[in-house]
Amino acid sequence: MIEDFGPRVTNAWNDLRSATRTLLERAWQSPTAGAGPQAARYDPRADRELSQLLLALDERAREATDVESARRARSLADTCAGVLTEQTQSAEVFAQLIQRAHERNDYARVDALAGVLAQRLAPSEVCELARSPNVVVRALAHEALAQMPATLLVMLLRDPVDAAVARYALQRQATEYNSEEARQALQELDEFGLEQF
């Protein structure tokens, strides 16, 4: 059946390790069951494999001239996206899933992804998303950062890559949420610099 989706999908499918293929096949055969107990164990290699397959399937669904072939490609792509949604801890994959859901006007999925963003990703990964060229990904990451404890954001101030994003999140907390802790951290940063932290 996979060969029917064309060479790019076939190549991505053939690149799946046995464990990744089994995970996807199980979710495909029983969509309501999800990825099951294996979703608890994060596997970055499976993320990369499934991410590549998802890209290939989405491309196939867009380019298919046969309605049935496009429907099957979309269905398998949705299953693949569902498995990734349940297990990913990768900023890159989160960005891919958010963009995909937004392009499909699937705002419930966008909300669900935004809801687990801060739980699944390390703060520095959320900062990476906050620098995304995609405006939706960037906005969701900034919102997730604004909800993080100020003490966590203060730790990011020492990182030259994440400092500007963390400072912006602290400024939002101080002004929009009237956080005294964020206001204090910003004041100390202005007065004493990073040595204070």
C-alpha atoms as a PDB file:
ATOM      1  CA  MET A   1       0.000   0.000   0.000  1.00  0.00           C
ATOM      2  CA  ILE A   2       2.818   2.447   0.833  1.00  0.00           C
ATOM      3  CA  GLU A   3       4.195   2.224  -2.719  1.00  0.00           C
ATOM      4  CA  ASP A   4       0.911   3.721  -3.927  1.00  0.00           C
ATOM      5  CA  PHE A   5       1.864   7.003  -2.237  1.00  0.00           C
ATOM      6  CA  GLY A   6       4.883   7.536  -4.489  1.00  0.00           C
ATOM      7  CA  PRO A   7       8.658   7.363  -4.110  1.00  0.00           C
ATOM      8  CA  ARG A   8       9.122  10.081  -1.473  1.00  0.00           C
ATOM      9  CA  VAL A   9       6.644   8.489   0.942  1.00  0.00           C
ATOM     10  CA  THR A  10       8.035   5.038   0.175  1.00  0.00           C
ATOM     11  CA  ASN A  11      11.589   6.210   0.947  1.00  0.00           C
ATOM     12  CA  ALA A  12      10.490   7.857   4.200  1.00  0.00           C
ATOM     13  CA  TRP A  13       8.564   4.701   5.140  1.00  0.00           C
ATOM     14  CA  ASN A  14      11.550   2.490   4.383  1.00  0.00           C
ATOM     15  CA  ASP A  15      13.723   4.713   6.589  1.00  0.00           C
ATOM     16  CA  LEU A  16      11.516   3.969   9.615  1.00  0.00           C
ATOM     17  CA  ARG A  17      13.046   1.635  12.152  1.00  0.00           C
ATOM     18  CA  SER A  18      10.981  -1.397  13.095  1.00  0.00           C
ATOM     19  CA  ALA A  19       9.906   0.100  16.468  1.00  0.00           C
ATOM     20  CA  THR A  20       8.798   3.356  14.827  1.00  0.00           C
ATOM     21  CA  ARG A  21       6.895   1.514  12.106  1.00  0.00           C
ATOM     22  CA  THR A  22       5.138  -0.657  14.708  1.00  0.00           C
ATOM     23  CA  LEU A  23       4.183   2.434  16.719  1.00  0.00           C
ATOM     24  CA  LEU A  24       2.677   4.076  13.648  1.00  0.00           C
ATOM     25  CA  GLU A  25       0.950   0.923  12.412  1.00  0.00           C
ATOM     26  CA  ARG A  26      -0.642   0.394  15.828  1.00  0.00           C
ATOM     27  CA  ALA A  27      -1.967   3.961  15.829  1.00  0.00           C
ATOM     28  CA  TRP A  28      -3.124   3.605  12.198  1.00  0.00           C
ATOM     29  CA  GLN A  29      -5.081   0.408  12.928  1.00  0.00           C
ATOM     30  CA  SER A  30      -6.648   1.788  16.091  1.00  0.00           C
ATOM     31  CA  PRO A  31      -6.830   5.587  15.778  1.00  0.00           C
ATOM     32  CA  THR A  32      -8.760   6.068  19.026  1.00  0.00           C
ATOM     33  CA  ALA A  33      -6.142   4.185  21.034  1.00  0.00           C
ATOM     34  CA  GLY A  34      -3.380   6.625  20.127  1.00  0.00           C
ATOM     35  CA  ALA A  35       0.260   5.687  20.533  1.00  0.00           C
ATOM     36  CA  GLY A  36      -0.467   3.875  23.801  1.00  0.00           C
ATOM     37  CA  PRO A  37       2.039   3.181  26.553  1.00  0.00           C
ATOM     38  CA  GLN A  38       5.022   3.705  24.269  1.00  0.00           C
ATOM     39  CA  ALA A  39       4.174   7.398  24.008  1.00  0.00           C
ATOM     40  CA  ALA A  40       5.597   7.913  27.499  1.00  0.00           C
ATOM     41  CA  ARG A  41       9.115   7.058  26.335  1.00  0.00           C
ATOM     42  CA  TYR A  42      10.552   9.794  24.211  1.00  0.00           C
ATOM     43  CA  ASP A  43      12.571   8.685  21.210  1.00  0.00           C
ATOM     44  CA  PRO A  44      14.205  11.586  19.310  1.00  0.00           C
ATOM     45  CA  ARG A  45      15.099   9.328  16.398  1.00  0.00           C
ATOM     46  CA  ALA A  46      11.457   8.264  15.995  1.00  0.00           C
ATOM     47  CA  ASP A  47      10.545  11.960  16.015  1.00  0.00           C
ATOM     48  CA  ARG A  48      12.896  12.637  13.099  1.00  0.00           C
ATOM     49  CA  GLU A  49      11.663   9.607  11.175  1.00  0.00           C
ATOM     50  CA  LEU A  50       7.982  10.418  11.683  1.00  0.00           C
ATOM     51  CA  SER A  51       8.572  14.096  10.937  1.00  0.00           C
ATOM     52  CA  GLN A  52      10.081  13.210   7.553  1.00  0.00           C
ATOM     53  CA  LEU A  53       7.244  10.800   6.806  1.00  0.00           C
ATOM     54  CA  LEU A  54       4.688  13.454   7.756  1.00  0.00           C
ATOM     55  CA  LEU A  55       6.275  15.959   5.372  1.00  0.00           C
ATOM     56  CA  ALA A  56       6.203  13.392   2.556  1.00  0.00           C
ATOM     57  CA  LEU A  57       2.587  12.392   3.250  1.00  0.00           C
ATOM     58  CA  ASP A  58       1.372  15.989   3.404  1.00  0.00           C
ATOM     59  CA  GLU A  59       3.123  16.714   0.109  1.00  0.00           C
ATOM     60  CA  ARG A  60       1.541  13.613  -1.429  1.00  0.00           C
ATOM     61  CA  ALA A  61      -1.923  14.608  -0.182  1.00  0.00           C
ATOM     62  CA  ARG A  62      -1.549  18.061  -1.776  1.00  0.00           C
ATOM     63  CA  GLU A  63      -0.249  16.740  -5.107  1.00  0.00           C
ATOM     64  CA  ALA A  64      -2.436  13.640  -5.527  1.00  0.00           C
ATOM     65  CA  THR A  65      -4.782  13.817  -8.492  1.00  0.00           C
ATOM     66  CA  ASP A  66      -6.837  10.835  -7.334  1.00  0.00           C
ATOM     67  CA  VAL A  67      -9.310  11.781  -4.597  1.00  0.00           C
ATOM     68  CA  GLU A  68      -9.032   8.416  -2.850  1.00  0.00           C
ATOM     69  CA  SER A  69      -5.230   8.507  -2.848  1.00  0.00           C
ATOM     70  CA  ALA A  70      -5.267  12.025  -1.394  1.00  0.00           C
ATOM     71  CA  ARG A  71      -7.739  10.944   1.297  1.00  0.00           C
ATOM     72  CA  ARG A  72      -5.602   7.948   2.299  1.00  0.00           C
ATOM     73  CA  ALA A  73      -2.441  10.063   2.386  1.00  0.00           C
ATOM     74  CA  ARG A  74      -4.196  12.659   4.585  1.00  0.00           C
ATOM     75  CA  SER A  75      -5.488   9.943   6.886  1.00  0.00           C
ATOM     76  CA  LEU A  76      -2.053   8.376   7.364  1.00  0.00           C
ATOM     77  CA  ALA A  77      -0.527  11.858   7.755  1.00  0.00           C
ATOM     78  CA  ASP A  78      -3.076  12.659  10.474  1.00  0.00           C
ATOM     79  CA  THR A  79      -2.189   9.431  12.270  1.00  0.00           C
ATOM     80  CA  CYS A  80       1.500  10.277  12.001  1.00  0.00           C
ATOM     81  CA  ALA A  81       0.833  13.790  13.348  1.00  0.00           C
ATOM     82  CA  GLY A  82      -1.190  12.289  16.197  1.00  0.00           C
ATOM     83  CA  VAL A  83       1.666  10.019  17.238  1.00  0.00           C
ATOM     84  CA  LEU A  84       4.077  12.953  17.127  1.00  0.00           C
ATOM     85  CA  THR A  85       1.672  15.111  19.142  1.00  0.00           C
ATOM     86  CA  GLU A  86       1.515  12.481  21.878  1.00  0.00           C
ATOM     87  CA  GLN A  87       5.255  11.930  22.179  1.00  0.00           C
ATOM     88  CA  THR A  88       7.402  14.742  20.809  1.00  0.00           C
ATOM     89  CA  GLN A  89       9.772  16.779  22.932  1.00  0.00           C
ATOM     90  CA  SER A  90      11.389  18.520  19.978  1.00  0.00           C
ATOM     91  CA  ALA A  91      10.998  22.223  19.273  1.00  0.00           C
ATOM     92  CA  GLU A  92      11.390  21.585  15.557  1.00  0.00           C
ATOM     93  CA  VAL A  93       8.607  18.995  15.507  1.00  0.00           C
ATOM     94  CA  PHE A  94       6.348  21.211  17.634  1.00  0.00           C
ATOM     95  CA  ALA A  95       6.855  23.990  15.081  1.00  0.00           C
ATOM     96  CA  GLN A  96       5.990  21.591  12.254  1.00  0.00           C
ATOM     97  CA  LEU A  97       2.839  20.381  14.010  1.00  0.00           C
ATOM     98  CA  ILE A  98       1.687  23.905  14.901  1.00  0.00           C
ATOM     99  CA  GLN A  99       2.218  25.148  11.337  1.00  0.00           C
ATOM    100  CA  ARG A 100       0.414  22.107   9.939  1.00  0.00           C
ATOM    101  CA  ALA A 101      -2.584  22.565  12.255  1.00  0.00           C
ATOM    102  CA  HIS A 102      -2.747  26.298  11.533  1.00  0.00           C
ATOM    103  CA  GLU A 103      -2.644  25.752   7.758  1.00  0.00           C
ATOM    104  CA  ARG A 104      -5.594  23.376   8.140  1.00  0.00           C
ATOM    105  CA  ASN A 105      -7.475  25.860  10.354  1.00  0.00           C
ATOM    106  CA  ASP A 106      -7.498  23.178  13.049  1.00  0.00           C
ATOM    107  CA  TYR A 107      -7.532  25.601  15.959  1.00  0.00           C
ATOM    108  CA  ALA A 108      -8.424  22.920  18.497  1.00  0.00           C
ATOM    109  CA  ARG A 109      -5.163  21.153  17.594  1.00  0.00           C
ATOM    110  CA  VAL A 110      -3.240  24.449  17.786  1.00  0.00           C
ATOM    111  CA  ASP A 111      -4.683  25.016  21.282  1.00  0.00           C
ATOM    112  CA  ALA A 112      -3.832  21.465  22.340  1.00  0.00           C
ATOM    113  CA  LEU A 113      -0.238  21.871  21.156  1.00  0.00           C
ATOM    114  CA  ALA A 114       0.039  25.239  22.890  1.00  0.00           C
ATOM    115  CA  GLY A 115      -1.255  23.648  26.075  1.00  0.00           C
ATOM    116  CA  VAL A 116       1.547  21.083  26.279  1.00  0.00           C
ATOM    117  CA  LEU A 117       4.351  23.245  24.909  1.00  0.00           C
ATOM    118  CA  ALA A 118       5.812  24.295  28.260  1.00  0.00           C
ATOM    119  CA  GLN A 119       5.296  20.842  29.775  1.00  0.00           C
ATOM    120  CA  ARG A 120       7.163  18.963  27.042  1.00  0.00           C
ATOM    121  CA  LEU A 121       9.912  21.373  26.073  1.00  0.00           C
ATOM    122  CA  ALA A 122      12.803  22.709  28.090  1.00  0.00           C
ATOM    123  CA  PRO A 123      12.664  26.501  28.553  1.00  0.00           C
ATOM    124  CA  SER A 124      15.551  26.984  26.108  1.00  0.00           C
ATOM    125  CA  GLU A 125      13.603  24.994  23.484  1.00  0.00           C
ATOM    126  CA  VAL A 126      10.581  27.245  24.016  1.00  0.00           C
ATOM    127  CA  CYS A 127      12.924  30.216  23.521  1.00  0.00           C
ATOM    128  CA  GLU A 128      14.009  28.643  20.234  1.00  0.00           C
ATOM    129  CA  LEU A 129      10.373  28.556  19.128  1.00  0.00           C
ATOM    130  CA  ALA A 130       9.994  32.187  20.226  1.00  0.00           C
ATOM    131  CA  ARG A 131      12.564  33.064  17.533  1.00  0.00           C
ATOM    132  CA  SER A 132      10.709  31.091  14.838  1.00  0.00           C
ATOM    133  CA  PRO A 133      10.052  32.821  11.518  1.00  0.00           C
ATOM    134  CA  ASN A 134       6.454  31.545  11.712  1.00  0.00           C
ATOM    135  CA  VAL A 135       4.319  34.145  13.479  1.00  0.00           C
ATOM    136  CA  VAL A 136       1.894  31.610  15.018  1.00  0.00           C
ATOM    137  CA  VAL A 137       4.684  29.431  16.425  1.00  0.00           C
ATOM    138  CA  ARG A 138       6.435  32.533  17.742  1.00  0.00           C
ATOM    139  CA  ALA A 139       3.279  33.890  19.405  1.00  0.00           C
ATOM    140  CA  LEU A 140       2.481  30.575  21.108  1.00  0.00           C
ATOM    141  CA  ALA A 141       6.033  30.270  22.399  1.00  0.00           C
ATOM    142  CA  HIS A 142       5.995  33.823  23.773  1.00  0.00           C
ATOM    143  CA  GLU A 143       2.719  33.090  25.520  1.00  0.00           C
ATOM    144  CA  ALA A 144       4.136  29.879  27.022  1.00  0.00           C
ATOM    145  CA  LEU A 145       7.178  31.794  28.273  1.00  0.00           C
ATOM    146  CA  ALA A 146       4.991  34.486  29.811  1.00  0.00           C
ATOM    147  CA  GLN A 147       3.268  31.748  31.842  1.00  0.00           C
ATOM    148  CA  MET A 148       6.523  30.275  33.195  1.00  0.00           C
ATOM    149  CA  PRO A 149       7.743  31.092  36.711  1.00  0.00           C
ATOM    150  CA  ALA A 150       9.893  34.212  36.801  1.00  0.00           C
ATOM    151  CA  THR A 151      12.667  32.276  38.560  1.00  0.00           C
ATOM    152  CA  LEU A 152      12.929  29.993  35.538  1.00  0.00           C
ATOM    153  CA  LEU A 153      13.136  32.949  33.176  1.00  0.00           C
ATOM    154  CA  VAL A 154      15.806  34.592  35.322  1.00  0.00           C
ATOM    155  CA  MET A 155      18.026  31.531  34.803  1.00  0.00           C
ATOM    156  CA  LEU A 156      17.751  32.038  31.046  1.00  0.00           C
ATOM    157  CA  LEU A 157      19.143  35.564  31.321  1.00  0.00           C
ATOM    158  CA  ARG A 158      22.678  34.150  31.530  1.00  0.00           C
ATOM    159  CA  ASP A 159      22.342  32.472  28.146  1.00  0.00           C
ATOM    160  CA  PRO A 160      23.395  34.959  25.440  1.00  0.00           C
ATOM    161  CA  VAL A 161      21.085  33.289  22.914  1.00  0.00           C
ATOM    162  CA  ASP A 162      17.978  33.174  25.111  1.00  0.00           C
ATOM    163  CA  ALA A 163      18.497  36.300  27.230  1.00  0.00           C
ATOM    164  CA  ALA A 164      16.548  38.714  25.011  1.00  0.00           C
ATOM    165  CA  VAL A 165      13.557  36.369  24.793  1.00  0.00           C
ATOM    166  CA  ALA A 166      13.627  35.725  28.554  1.00  0.00           C
ATOM    167  CA  ARG A 167      13.836  39.445  29.295  1.00  0.00           C
ATOM    168  CA  TYR A 168      10.851  40.103  27.042  1.00  0.00           C
ATOM    169  CA  ALA A 169       8.861  37.394  28.885  1.00  0.00           C
ATOM    170  CA  LEU A 170       9.796  38.956  32.230  1.00  0.00           C
ATOM    171  CA  GLN A 171       8.709  42.373  30.947  1.00  0.00           C
ATOM    172  CA  ARG A 172       5.353  40.904  29.914  1.00  0.00           C
ATOM    173  CA  GLN A 173       4.933  39.304  33.329  1.00  0.00           C
ATOM    174  CA  ALA A 174       5.732  42.587  35.053  1.00  0.00           C
ATOM    175  CA  THR A 175       3.378  44.706  32.935  1.00  0.00           C
ATOM    176  CA  GLU A 176       0.554  42.391  31.835  1.00  0.00           C
ATOM    177  CA  TYR A 177       0.388  40.148  34.904  1.00  0.00           C
ATOM    178  CA  ASN A 178       1.634  42.647  37.462  1.00  0.00           C
ATOM    179  CA  SER A 179       4.231  40.160  38.726  1.00  0.00           C
ATOM    180  CA  GLU A 180       6.288  41.624  41.527  1.00  0.00           C
ATOM    181  CA  GLU A 181       8.871  38.850  41.150  1.00  0.00           C
ATOM    182  CA  ALA A 182       9.390  39.687  37.466  1.00  0.00           C
ATOM    183  CA  ARG A 183       9.528  43.408  38.220  1.00  0.00           C
ATOM    184  CA  GLN A 184      12.155  42.815  40.928  1.00  0.00           C
ATOM    185  CA  ALA A 185      14.267  40.642  38.605  1.00  0.00           C
ATOM    186  CA  LEU A 186      14.191  43.284  35.860  1.00  0.00           C
ATOM    187  CA  GLN A 187      15.101  46.035  38.308  1.00  0.00           C
ATOM    188  CA  GLU A 188      18.066  44.031  39.640  1.00  0.00           C
ATOM    189  CA  LEU A 189      19.144  43.233  36.102  1.00  0.00           C
ATOM    190  CA  ASP A 190      19.109  46.932  35.192  1.00  0.00           C
ATOM    191  CA  GLU A 191      20.953  47.961  38.343  1.00  0.00           C
ATOM    192  CA  PHE A 192      23.511  45.206  38.761  1.00  0.00           C
ATOM    193  CA  GLY A 193      23.649  43.332  35.452  1.00  0.00           C
ATOM    194  CA  LEU A 194      23.924  39.573  35.164  1.00  0.00           C
ATOM    195  CA  GLU A 195      26.299  39.323  38.133  1.00  0.00           C
ATOM    196  CA  GLN A 196      23.286  39.554  40.423  1.00  0.00           C
ATOM    197  CA  PHE A 197      21.860  36.319  39.054  1.00  0.00           C
END
